[in-house]
C-alpha atoms as a PDB file:
ATOM      1  CA  UNK A   1    -101.193 -67.757 130.576  1.00  0.00           C
ATOM      2  CA  UNK A   2    -100.043 -70.221 128.225  1.00  0.00           C
ATOM      3  CA  UNK A   3     -98.686 -73.821 129.849  1.00  0.00           C
ATOM      4  CA  UNK A   4     -97.633 -76.837 127.937  1.00  0.00           C
ATOM      5  CA  UNK A   5     -97.707 -80.482 128.725  1.00  0.00           C
ATOM      6  CA  UNK A   6     -94.658 -82.821 127.728  1.00  0.00           C
ATOM      7  CA  UNK A   7     -95.726 -86.763 127.364  1.00  0.00           C
ATOM      8  CA  UNK A   8     -93.869 -89.607 125.732  1.00  0.00           C
ATOM      9  CA  UNK A   9     -90.475 -89.779 127.066  1.00  0.00           C
ATOM     10  CA  UNK A  10     -88.935 -92.552 129.228  1.00  0.00           C
ATOM     11  CA  UNK A  11     -86.286 -95.466 128.790  1.00  0.00           C
ATOM     12  CA  UNK A  12     -85.356 -97.369 125.287  1.00  0.00           C
ATOM     13  CA  UNK A  13     -82.780 -99.226 123.986  1.00  0.00           C
ATOM     14  CA  UNK A  14     -80.676 -97.994 120.970  1.00  0.00           C
ATOM     15  CA  UNK A  15     -82.361 -98.555 117.579  1.00  0.00           C
ATOM     16  CA  UNK A  16     -85.548 -97.728 119.483  1.00  0.00           C
ATOM     17  CA  UNK A  17     -88.080 -95.446 119.058  1.00  0.00           C
ATOM     18  CA  UNK A  18     -89.676 -92.778 121.379  1.00  0.00           C
ATOM     19  CA  UNK A  19     -92.524 -90.130 120.226  1.00  0.00           C
ATOM     20  CA  UNK A  20     -92.944 -86.926 122.298  1.00  0.00           C
ATOM     21  CA  UNK A  21     -95.740 -84.802 122.236  1.00  0.00           C
ATOM     22  CA  UNK A  22     -96.177 -80.865 123.729  1.00  0.00           C
ATOM     23  CA  UNK A  23     -99.646 -79.142 123.875  1.00  0.00           C
ATOM     24  CA  UNK A  24    -100.233 -75.776 124.798  1.00  0.00           C
ATOM     25  CA  UNK A  25    -103.002 -74.620 126.450  1.00  0.00           C
ATOM     26  CA  UNK A  26    -104.365 -71.213 127.148  1.00  0.00           C
ATOM     27  CA  UNK A  27    -106.019 -68.142 125.452  1.00  0.00           C
ATOM     28  CA  UNK A  28    -104.373 -68.205 122.297  1.00  0.00           C
ATOM     29  CA  UNK A  29    -104.681 -66.112 119.557  1.00  0.00           C
ATOM     30  CA  UNK A  30    -102.357 -67.801 117.579  1.00  0.00           C
ATOM     31  CA  UNK A  31     -98.830 -70.276 117.605  1.00  0.00           C
ATOM     32  CA  UNK A  32     -96.113 -69.493 115.355  1.00  0.00           C
ATOM     33  CA  UNK A  33     -93.018 -71.373 115.524  1.00  0.00           C
ATOM     34  CA  UNK A  34     -92.677 -74.671 117.455  1.00  0.00           C
ATOM     35  CA  UNK A  35     -89.435 -76.154 118.413  1.00  0.00           C
ATOM     36  CA  UNK A  36     -88.044 -79.077 120.618  1.00  0.00           C
ATOM     37  CA  UNK A  37     -84.602 -78.696 122.350  1.00  0.00           C
ATOM     38  CA  UNK A  38     -82.381 -80.422 124.674  1.00  0.00           C
ATOM     39  CA  UNK A  39     -79.674 -80.694 127.426  1.00  0.00           C
ATOM     40  CA  UNK A  40     -77.715 -83.617 128.394  1.00  0.00           C
ATOM     41  CA  UNK A  41     -75.783 -83.608 131.507  1.00  0.00           C
ATOM     42  CA  UNK A  42     -72.715 -81.348 130.995  1.00  0.00           C
ATOM     43  CA  UNK A  43     -73.856 -79.896 127.956  1.00  0.00           C
ATOM     44  CA  UNK A  44     -75.802 -76.890 127.154  1.00  0.00           C
ATOM     45  CA  UNK A  45     -79.062 -76.896 125.706  1.00  0.00           C
ATOM     46  CA  UNK A  46     -79.496 -77.500 121.780  1.00  0.00           C
ATOM     47  CA  UNK A  47     -81.556 -77.047 119.320  1.00  0.00           C
ATOM     48  CA  UNK A  48     -83.149 -80.295 117.559  1.00  0.00           C
ATOM     49  CA  UNK A  49     -86.172 -79.466 115.772  1.00  0.00           C
ATOM     50  CA  UNK A  50     -88.129 -76.501 114.755  1.00  0.00           C
ATOM     51  CA  UNK A  51     -91.858 -76.212 112.600  1.00  0.00           C
ATOM     52  CA  UNK A  52     -93.211 -72.948 111.518  1.00  0.00           C
ATOM     53  CA  UNK A  53     -96.973 -72.137 111.321  1.00  0.00           C
ATOM     54  CA  UNK A  54     -96.770 -72.974 107.491  1.00  0.00           C
ATOM     55  CA  UNK A  55     -95.226 -75.803 107.978  1.00  0.00           C
ATOM     56  CA  UNK A  56     -91.022 -75.550 107.125  1.00  0.00           C
ATOM     57  CA  UNK A  57     -88.930 -77.616 109.524  1.00  0.00           C
ATOM     58  CA  UNK A  58     -85.491 -77.434 110.644  1.00  0.00           C
ATOM     59  CA  UNK A  59     -83.401 -79.850 112.115  1.00  0.00           C
ATOM     60  CA  UNK A  60     -79.788 -80.293 114.064  1.00  0.00           C
ATOM     61  CA  UNK A  61     -77.488 -82.397 111.873  1.00  0.00           C
ATOM     62  CA  UNK A  62     -76.732 -84.839 114.373  1.00  0.00           C
ATOM     63  CA  UNK A  63     -80.744 -85.954 114.164  1.00  0.00           C
ATOM     64  CA  UNK A  64     -81.052 -85.490 110.357  1.00  0.00           C
ATOM     65  CA  UNK A  65     -82.521 -88.402 108.858  1.00  0.00           C
ATOM     66  CA  UNK A  66     -83.770 -89.973 112.173  1.00  0.00           C
ATOM     67  CA  UNK A  67     -85.953 -87.184 113.951  1.00  0.00           C
ATOM     68  CA  UNK A  68     -89.579 -85.958 112.589  1.00  0.00           C
ATOM     69  CA  UNK A  69     -91.203 -82.907 114.098  1.00  0.00           C
ATOM     70  CA  UNK A  70     -94.429 -82.168 113.123  1.00  0.00           C
ATOM     71  CA  UNK A  71     -97.593 -80.603 114.583  1.00  0.00           C
ATOM     72  CA  UNK A  72    -100.992 -80.476 114.629  1.00  0.00           C
ATOM     73  CA  UNK A  73    -102.853 -76.777 114.691  1.00  0.00           C
ATOM     74  CA  UNK A  74    -106.304 -78.023 115.981  1.00  0.00           C
ATOM     75  CA  UNK A  75    -104.892 -79.798 118.761  1.00  0.00           C
ATOM     76  CA  UNK A  76    -101.944 -76.734 119.354  1.00  0.00           C
ATOM     77  CA  UNK A  77     -99.417 -79.589 119.455  1.00  0.00           C
ATOM     78  CA  UNK A  78     -95.665 -81.018 118.309  1.00  0.00           C
ATOM     79  CA  UNK A  79     -94.687 -83.757 117.698  1.00  0.00           C
ATOM     80  CA  UNK A  80     -90.987 -85.231 117.904  1.00  0.00           C
ATOM     81  CA  UNK A  81     -90.977 -88.921 116.466  1.00  0.00           C
ATOM     82  CA  UNK A  82     -87.430 -89.938 117.436  1.00  0.00           C
ATOM     83  CA  UNK A  83     -85.936 -93.006 115.626  1.00  0.00           C
ATOM     84  CA  UNK A  84     -82.869 -94.958 115.463  1.00  0.00           C
ATOM     85  CA  UNK A  85     -81.896 -93.522 118.882  1.00  0.00           C
ATOM     86  CA  UNK A  86     -78.256 -94.167 120.657  1.00  0.00           C
ATOM     87  CA  UNK A  87     -77.058 -93.486 123.900  1.00  0.00           C
ATOM     88  CA  UNK A  88     -75.787 -89.949 122.411  1.00  0.00           C
ATOM     89  CA  UNK A  89     -79.587 -88.614 121.989  1.00  0.00           C
ATOM     90  CA  UNK A  90     -80.041 -89.208 126.207  1.00  0.00           C
ATOM     91  CA  UNK A  91     -81.161 -85.555 127.536  1.00  0.00           C
ATOM     92  CA  UNK A  92     -83.777 -83.757 128.909  1.00  0.00           C
ATOM     93  CA  UNK A  93     -86.171 -82.646 126.258  1.00  0.00           C
ATOM     94  CA  UNK A  94     -87.706 -79.432 126.045  1.00  0.00           C
ATOM     95  CA  UNK A  95     -90.962 -78.185 124.088  1.00  0.00           C
ATOM     96  CA  UNK A  96     -90.383 -74.589 122.832  1.00  0.00           C
ATOM     97  CA  UNK A  97     -93.615 -72.469 121.581  1.00  0.00           C
ATOM     98  CA  UNK A  98     -93.745 -68.982 120.547  1.00  0.00           C
ATOM     99  CA  UNK A  99     -96.920 -66.992 119.845  1.00  0.00           C
ATOM    100  CA  UNK A 100     -99.869 -64.583 120.724  1.00  0.00           C
ATOM    101  CA  UNK A 101    -102.340 -63.911 122.798  1.00  0.00           C
ATOM    102  CA  UNK A 102    -104.664 -61.178 123.337  1.00  0.00           C
ATOM    103  CA  UNK A 103    -102.280 -59.138 125.522  1.00  0.00           C
ATOM    104  CA  UNK A 104     -99.365 -59.721 122.987  1.00  0.00           C
ATOM    105  CA  UNK A 105     -96.343 -62.119 122.605  1.00  0.00           C
ATOM    106  CA  UNK A 106     -95.609 -64.556 124.374  1.00  0.00           C
ATOM    107  CA  UNK A 107     -92.652 -67.576 124.593  1.00  0.00           C
ATOM    108  CA  UNK A 108     -93.269 -70.483 126.905  1.00  0.00           C
ATOM    109  CA  UNK A 109     -90.909 -73.511 128.018  1.00  0.00           C
ATOM    110  CA  UNK A 110     -92.634 -77.298 128.767  1.00  0.00           C
ATOM    111  CA  UNK A 111     -90.852 -78.518 132.050  1.00  0.00           C
ATOM    112  CA  UNK A 112     -88.464 -81.179 130.243  1.00  0.00           C
ATOM    113  CA  UNK A 113     -89.288 -84.583 130.281  1.00  0.00           C
ATOM    114  CA  UNK A 114     -86.243 -87.219 129.995  1.00  0.00           C
ATOM    115  CA  UNK A 115     -85.238 -89.114 127.591  1.00  0.00           C
ATOM    116  CA  UNK A 116     -82.900 -92.275 128.161  1.00  0.00           C
ATOM    117  CA  UNK A 117     -81.188 -94.452 125.943  1.00  0.00           C
ATOM    118  CA  UNK A 118     -79.418 -97.667 127.006  1.00  0.00           C
ATOM    119  CA  UNK A 119     -76.297 -99.193 124.797  1.00  0.00           C
END
């Protein structure tokens, strides 16, 4: 069983920064893609950023140049550095991880962590 633990959310003023972390644990053979999604009130969940096992990254247009995703494969952890935050970034952020265990492949979601940006 694979579990994710997210941390780093909170309340910040516009223009500030936050760093989210998501650590995967369990009998993991390999982690492939690690993603961050977010869901704002009344909106659909959207992909914010993704990083592959090879380090290739992909970002939503709305966060390009402000957010940076990275991963530490030794720690099975993915990070999301968020700079120049605006109230439009307020949402619950979810970590999503794809990989394999001995029994096969897995996809797991974190519990979600709130990021609130005040104007």
